[in-house]
Amino acid sequence: MKELDWKQPGACGDGNNCPEVAITPEAVYVRSSLLPDAIAQLTPTEWRDLVSSIRAGEFDV
C-alpha cells in the first residue's frame, strides 16, 4: 500500500486514542491511532453513507 496522508479530528488534540482517516480518489481508509496496522478500506459511497448515518445519530445509544 502506498504511503497515506492520515488525518485526525481536531478534537483529538495530541491524544493517542483517535480515529484517523486517509482519503484517496479510489478509497477511504479508516484506522485507530492505537492500532495503526488495522486499516478498514471503504468505497467513497460507503464512506458517505457512514458519515451520514453518524450525523443522523444512528449509532447513538
PDB file of N, CA and C in Angstrom:
ATOM      1  N   MET A   1       0.854  -1.181   0.000  1.00  0.00           N
ATOM      2  CA  MET A   1       0.000   0.000   0.000  1.00  0.00           C
ATOM      3  C   MET A   1       0.893   1.235   0.000  1.00  0.00           C
ATOM      4  N   LYS A   2       0.512   2.207  -0.797  1.00  0.00           N
ATOM      5  CA  LYS A   2       1.295   3.441  -0.856  1.00  0.00           C
ATOM      6  C   LYS A   2       1.155   4.223   0.456  1.00  0.00           C
ATOM      7  N   GLU A   3       2.048   5.150   0.672  1.00  0.00           N
ATOM      8  CA  GLU A   3       2.005   5.992   1.876  1.00  0.00           C
ATOM      9  C   GLU A   3       0.749   6.846   1.847  1.00  0.00           C
ATOM     10  N   LEU A   4       0.006   6.841   2.932  1.00  0.00           N
ATOM     11  CA  LEU A   4      -1.244   7.596   3.008  1.00  0.00           C
ATOM     12  C   LEU A   4      -1.080   8.814   3.906  1.00  0.00           C
ATOM     13  N   ASP A   5      -1.854   9.836   3.633  1.00  0.00           N
ATOM     14  CA  ASP A   5      -1.849  11.074   4.422  1.00  0.00           C
ATOM     15  C   ASP A   5      -2.972  10.978   5.458  1.00  0.00           C
ATOM     16  N   TRP A   6      -2.643  10.508   6.654  1.00  0.00           N
ATOM     17  CA  TRP A   6      -3.634  10.286   7.711  1.00  0.00           C
ATOM     18  C   TRP A   6      -4.000  11.594   8.394  1.00  0.00           C
ATOM     19  N   LYS A   7      -5.291  11.769   8.656  1.00  0.00           N
ATOM     20  CA  LYS A   7      -5.814  12.957   9.353  1.00  0.00           C
ATOM     21  C   LYS A   7      -6.574  12.501  10.596  1.00  0.00           C
ATOM     22  N   GLN A   8      -6.479  13.312  11.658  1.00  0.00           N
ATOM     23  CA  GLN A   8      -7.239  13.094  12.889  1.00  0.00           C
ATOM     24  C   GLN A   8      -8.194  14.260  13.080  1.00  0.00           C
ATOM     25  N   PRO A   9      -9.319  14.029  13.753  1.00  0.00           N
ATOM     26  CA  PRO A   9     -10.214  15.147  14.065  1.00  0.00           C
ATOM     27  C   PRO A   9      -9.501  16.161  14.953  1.00  0.00           C
ATOM     28  N   GLY A  10      -9.831  17.418  14.769  1.00  0.00           N
ATOM     29  CA  GLY A  10      -9.242  18.472  15.580  1.00  0.00           C
ATOM     30  C   GLY A  10      -9.513  18.305  17.061  1.00  0.00           C
ATOM     31  N   ALA A  11     -10.636  17.683  17.405  1.00  0.00           N
ATOM     32  CA  ALA A  11     -10.999  17.481  18.807  1.00  0.00           C
ATOM     33  C   ALA A  11     -10.034  16.535  19.518  1.00  0.00           C
ATOM     34  N   CYS A  12      -9.251  15.773  18.782  1.00  0.00           N
ATOM     35  CA  CYS A  12      -8.321  14.822  19.395  1.00  0.00           C
ATOM     36  C   CYS A  12      -7.113  15.525  20.002  1.00  0.00           C
ATOM     37  N   GLY A  13      -6.780  16.682  19.503  1.00  0.00           N
ATOM     38  CA  GLY A  13      -5.601  17.382  20.013  1.00  0.00           C
ATOM     39  C   GLY A  13      -4.380  16.500  19.865  1.00  0.00           C
ATOM     40  N   ASP A  14      -3.664  16.309  20.960  1.00  0.00           N
ATOM     41  CA  ASP A  14      -2.478  15.456  20.947  1.00  0.00           C
ATOM     42  C   ASP A  14      -2.777  14.069  21.484  1.00  0.00           C
ATOM     43  N   GLY A  15      -4.058  13.709  21.540  1.00  0.00           N
ATOM     44  CA  GLY A  15      -4.447  12.404  22.077  1.00  0.00           C
ATOM     45  C   GLY A  15      -3.919  11.255  21.253  1.00  0.00           C
ATOM     46  N   ASN A  16      -3.832  10.089  21.885  1.00  0.00           N
ATOM     47  CA  ASN A  16      -3.323   8.923  21.169  1.00  0.00           C
ATOM     48  C   ASN A  16      -4.388   7.839  21.000  1.00  0.00           C
ATOM     49  N   ASN A  17      -5.657   8.182  21.208  1.00  0.00           N
ATOM     50  CA  ASN A  17      -6.743   7.225  21.039  1.00  0.00           C
ATOM     51  C   ASN A  17      -7.792   7.881  20.144  1.00  0.00           C
ATOM     52  N   CYS A  18      -7.447   8.071  18.882  1.00  0.00           N
ATOM     53  CA  CYS A  18      -8.312   8.818  17.978  1.00  0.00           C
ATOM     54  C   CYS A  18      -8.513   8.069  16.668  1.00  0.00           C
ATOM     55  N   PRO A  19      -9.643   8.314  16.026  1.00  0.00           N
ATOM     56  CA  PRO A  19      -9.814   7.767  14.683  1.00  0.00           C
ATOM     57  C   PRO A  19      -8.945   8.552  13.710  1.00  0.00           C
ATOM     58  N   GLU A  20      -8.483   7.875  12.683  1.00  0.00           N
ATOM     59  CA  GLU A  20      -7.688   8.516  11.643  1.00  0.00           C
ATOM     60  C   GLU A  20      -8.269   8.119  10.290  1.00  0.00           C
ATOM     61  N   VAL A  21      -8.257   9.055   9.354  1.00  0.00           N
ATOM     62  CA  VAL A  21      -8.825   8.830   8.026  1.00  0.00           C
ATOM     63  C   VAL A  21      -7.825   9.293   6.973  1.00  0.00           C
ATOM     64  N   ALA A  22      -7.716   8.506   5.915  1.00  0.00           N
ATOM     65  CA  ALA A  22      -6.920   8.881   4.747  1.00  0.00           C
ATOM     66  C   ALA A  22      -7.819   8.710   3.524  1.00  0.00           C
ATOM     67  N   ILE A  23      -7.911   9.755   2.721  1.00  0.00           N
ATOM     68  CA  ILE A  23      -8.811   9.738   1.568  1.00  0.00           C
ATOM     69  C   ILE A  23      -7.992   9.804   0.283  1.00  0.00           C
ATOM     70  N   THR A  24      -8.279   8.864  -0.620  1.00  0.00           N
ATOM     71  CA  THR A  24      -7.680   8.857  -1.956  1.00  0.00           C
ATOM     72  C   THR A  24      -8.832   8.894  -2.959  1.00  0.00           C
ATOM     73  N   PRO A  25      -8.567   9.112  -4.223  1.00  0.00           N
ATOM     74  CA  PRO A  25      -9.656   9.110  -5.206  1.00  0.00           C
ATOM     75  C   PRO A  25     -10.388   7.771  -5.289  1.00  0.00           C
ATOM     76  N   GLU A  26      -9.700   6.686  -4.984  1.00  0.00           N
ATOM     77  CA  GLU A  26     -10.286   5.360  -5.117  1.00  0.00           C
ATOM     78  C   GLU A  26     -10.944   4.825  -3.856  1.00  0.00           C
ATOM     79  N   ALA A  27     -10.484   5.261  -2.680  1.00  0.00           N
ATOM     80  CA  ALA A  27     -10.957   4.659  -1.426  1.00  0.00           C
ATOM     81  C   ALA A  27     -10.758   5.607  -0.256  1.00  0.00           C
ATOM     82  N   VAL A  28     -11.432   5.263   0.845  1.00  0.00           N
ATOM     83  CA  VAL A  28     -11.256   5.964   2.114  1.00  0.00           C
ATOM     84  C   VAL A  28     -10.779   4.912   3.111  1.00  0.00           C
ATOM     85  N   TYR A  29      -9.692   5.219   3.812  1.00  0.00           N
ATOM     86  CA  TYR A  29      -9.107   4.300   4.772  1.00  0.00           C
ATOM     87  C   TYR A  29      -9.338   4.848   6.173  1.00  0.00           C
ATOM     88  N   VAL A  30      -9.698   3.953   7.103  1.00  0.00           N
ATOM     89  CA  VAL A  30     -10.001   4.347   8.471  1.00  0.00           C
ATOM     90  C   VAL A  30      -9.226   3.429   9.403  1.00  0.00           C
ATOM     91  N   ARG A  31      -8.670   4.011  10.462  1.00  0.00           N
ATOM     92  CA  ARG A  31      -7.959   3.223  11.462  1.00  0.00           C
ATOM     93  C   ARG A  31      -8.026   3.936  12.808  1.00  0.00           C
ATOM     94  N   SER A  32      -7.598   3.256  13.841  1.00  0.00           N
ATOM     95  CA  SER A  32      -7.448   3.840  15.170  1.00  0.00           C
ATOM     96  C   SER A  32      -5.975   4.156  15.383  1.00  0.00           C
ATOM     97  N   SER A  33      -5.701   5.268  16.029  1.00  0.00           N
ATOM     98  CA  SER A  33      -4.303   5.592  16.311  1.00  0.00           C
ATOM     99  C   SER A  33      -3.678   4.571  17.263  1.00  0.00           C
ATOM    100  N   LEU A  34      -4.503   3.831  18.003  1.00  0.00           N
ATOM    101  CA  LEU A  34      -3.977   2.789  18.899  1.00  0.00           C
ATOM    102  C   LEU A  34      -3.589   1.527  18.136  1.00  0.00           C
ATOM    103  N   LEU A  35      -4.231   1.282  16.989  1.00  0.00           N
ATOM    104  CA  LEU A  35      -3.958   0.093  16.180  1.00  0.00           C
ATOM    105  C   LEU A  35      -3.711   0.509  14.728  1.00  0.00           C
ATOM    106  N   PRO A  36      -2.611   1.181  14.456  1.00  0.00           N
ATOM    107  CA  PRO A  36      -2.396   1.741  13.124  1.00  0.00           C
ATOM    108  C   PRO A  36      -2.269   0.716  12.005  1.00  0.00           C
ATOM    109  N   ASP A  37      -2.029  -0.550  12.334  1.00  0.00           N
ATOM    110  CA  ASP A  37      -1.917  -1.568  11.289  1.00  0.00           C
ATOM    111  C   ASP A  37      -3.268  -2.187  10.929  1.00  0.00           C
ATOM    112  N   ALA A  38      -4.303  -1.919  11.706  1.00  0.00           N
ATOM    113  CA  ALA A  38      -5.649  -2.442  11.431  1.00  0.00           C
ATOM    114  C   ALA A  38      -6.419  -1.375  10.654  1.00  0.00           C
ATOM    115  N   ILE A  39      -6.431  -1.508   9.343  1.00  0.00           N
ATOM    116  CA  ILE A  39      -6.992  -0.484   8.466  1.00  0.00           C
ATOM    117  C   ILE A  39      -8.219  -1.020   7.749  1.00  0.00           C
ATOM    118  N   ALA A  40      -9.310  -0.275   7.832  1.00  0.00           N
ATOM    119  CA  ALA A  40     -10.521  -0.602   7.079  1.00  0.00           C
ATOM    120  C   ALA A  40     -10.524   0.225   5.794  1.00  0.00           C
ATOM    121  N   GLN A  41     -10.898  -0.389   4.705  1.00  0.00           N
ATOM    122  CA  GLN A  41     -10.974   0.298   3.418  1.00  0.00           C
ATOM    123  C   GLN A  41     -12.437   0.376   2.994  1.00  0.00           C
ATOM    124  N   LEU A  42     -12.907   1.594   2.701  1.00  0.00           N
ATOM    125  CA  LEU A  42     -14.272   1.814   2.262  1.00  0.00           C
ATOM    126  C   LEU A  42     -14.270   2.465   0.884  1.00  0.00           C
ATOM    127  N   THR A  43     -15.331   2.229   0.140  1.00  0.00           N
ATOM    128  CA  THR A  43     -15.506   2.962  -1.109  1.00  0.00           C
ATOM    129  C   THR A  43     -15.964   4.371  -0.744  1.00  0.00           C
ATOM    130  N   PRO A  44     -15.840   5.326  -1.655  1.00  0.00           N
ATOM    131  CA  PRO A  44     -16.361   6.669  -1.358  1.00  0.00           C
ATOM    132  C   PRO A  44     -17.857   6.655  -0.999  1.00  0.00           C
ATOM    133  N   THR A  45     -18.640   5.789  -1.640  1.00  0.00           N
ATOM    134  CA  THR A  45     -20.072   5.694  -1.322  1.00  0.00           C
ATOM    135  C   THR A  45     -20.283   5.151   0.083  1.00  0.00           C
ATOM    136  N   GLU A  46     -19.540   4.122   0.460  1.00  0.00           N
ATOM    137  CA  GLU A  46     -19.655   3.575   1.821  1.00  0.00           C
ATOM    138  C   GLU A  46     -19.276   4.635   2.852  1.00  0.00           C
ATOM    139  N   TRP A  47     -18.232   5.409   2.564  1.00  0.00           N
ATOM    140  CA  TRP A  47     -17.803   6.473   3.478  1.00  0.00           C
ATOM    141  C   TRP A  47     -18.900   7.520   3.648  1.00  0.00           C
ATOM    142  N   ARG A  48     -19.490   7.971   2.543  1.00  0.00           N
ATOM    143  CA  ARG A  48     -20.573   8.962   2.628  1.00  0.00           C
ATOM    144  C   ARG A  48     -21.749   8.408   3.428  1.00  0.00           C
ATOM    145  N   ASP A  49     -22.093   7.140   3.208  1.00  0.00           N
ATOM    146  CA  ASP A  49     -23.187   6.527   3.952  1.00  0.00           C
ATOM    147  C   ASP A  49     -22.870   6.445   5.441  1.00  0.00           C
ATOM    148  N   LEU A  50     -21.639   6.087   5.780  1.00  0.00           N
ATOM    149  CA  LEU A  50     -21.235   6.009   7.185  1.00  0.00           C
ATOM    150  C   LEU A  50     -21.313   7.375   7.851  1.00  0.00           C
ATOM    151  N   VAL A  51     -20.745   8.395   7.222  1.00  0.00           N
ATOM    152  CA  VAL A  51     -20.762   9.745   7.795  1.00  0.00           C
ATOM    153  C   VAL A  51     -22.200  10.248   7.928  1.00  0.00           C
ATOM    154  N   SER A  52     -23.037   9.995   6.955  1.00  0.00           N
ATOM    155  CA  SER A  52     -24.451  10.405   7.028  1.00  0.00           C
ATOM    156  C   SER A  52     -25.153   9.726   8.194  1.00  0.00           C
ATOM    157  N   SER A  53     -24.886   8.439   8.389  1.00  0.00           N
ATOM    158  CA  SER A  53     -25.504   7.700   9.496  1.00  0.00           C
ATOM    159  C   SER A  53     -25.039   8.223  10.847  1.00  0.00           C
ATOM    160  N   ILE A  54     -23.761   8.549  10.954  1.00  0.00           N
ATOM    161  CA  ILE A  54     -23.235   9.105  12.209  1.00  0.00           C
ATOM    162  C   ILE A  54     -23.894  10.449  12.495  1.00  0.00           C
ATOM    163  N   ARG A  55     -23.961  11.297  11.483  1.00  0.00           N
ATOM    164  CA  ARG A  55     -24.571  12.618  11.665  1.00  0.00           C
ATOM    165  C   ARG A  55     -26.057  12.515  12.018  1.00  0.00           C
ATOM    166  N   ALA A  56     -26.730  11.489  11.515  1.00  0.00           N
ATOM    167  CA  ALA A  56     -28.151  11.298  11.789  1.00  0.00           C
ATOM    168  C   ALA A  56     -28.397  10.662  13.166  1.00  0.00           C
ATOM    169  N   GLY A  57     -27.325  10.295  13.858  1.00  0.00           N
ATOM    170  CA  GLY A  57     -27.463   9.734  15.195  1.00  0.00           C
ATOM    171  C   GLY A  57     -27.796   8.254  15.219  1.00  0.00           C
ATOM    172  N   GLU A  58     -27.614   7.565  14.121  1.00  0.00           N
ATOM    173  CA  GLU A  58     -27.980   6.145  14.062  1.00  0.00           C
ATOM    174  C   GLU A  58     -27.139   5.254  14.982  1.00  0.00           C
ATOM    175  N   PHE A  59     -26.003   5.746  15.434  1.00  0.00           N
ATOM    176  CA  PHE A  59     -25.145   4.951  16.309  1.00  0.00           C
ATOM    177  C   PHE A  59     -25.188   5.423  17.764  1.00  0.00           C
ATOM    178  N   ASP A  60     -25.999   6.436  18.038  1.00  0.00           N
ATOM    179  CA  ASP A  60     -26.119   6.939  19.394  1.00  0.00           C
ATOM    180  C   ASP A  60     -26.818   5.907  20.264  1.00  0.00           C
ATOM    181  N   VAL A  61     -26.370   5.778  21.480  1.00  0.00           N
ATOM    182  CA  VAL A  61     -27.010   4.841  22.412  1.00  0.00           C
ATOM    183  C   VAL A  61     -27.598   5.588  23.582  1.00  0.00           C
TER     184      VAL A  61
END
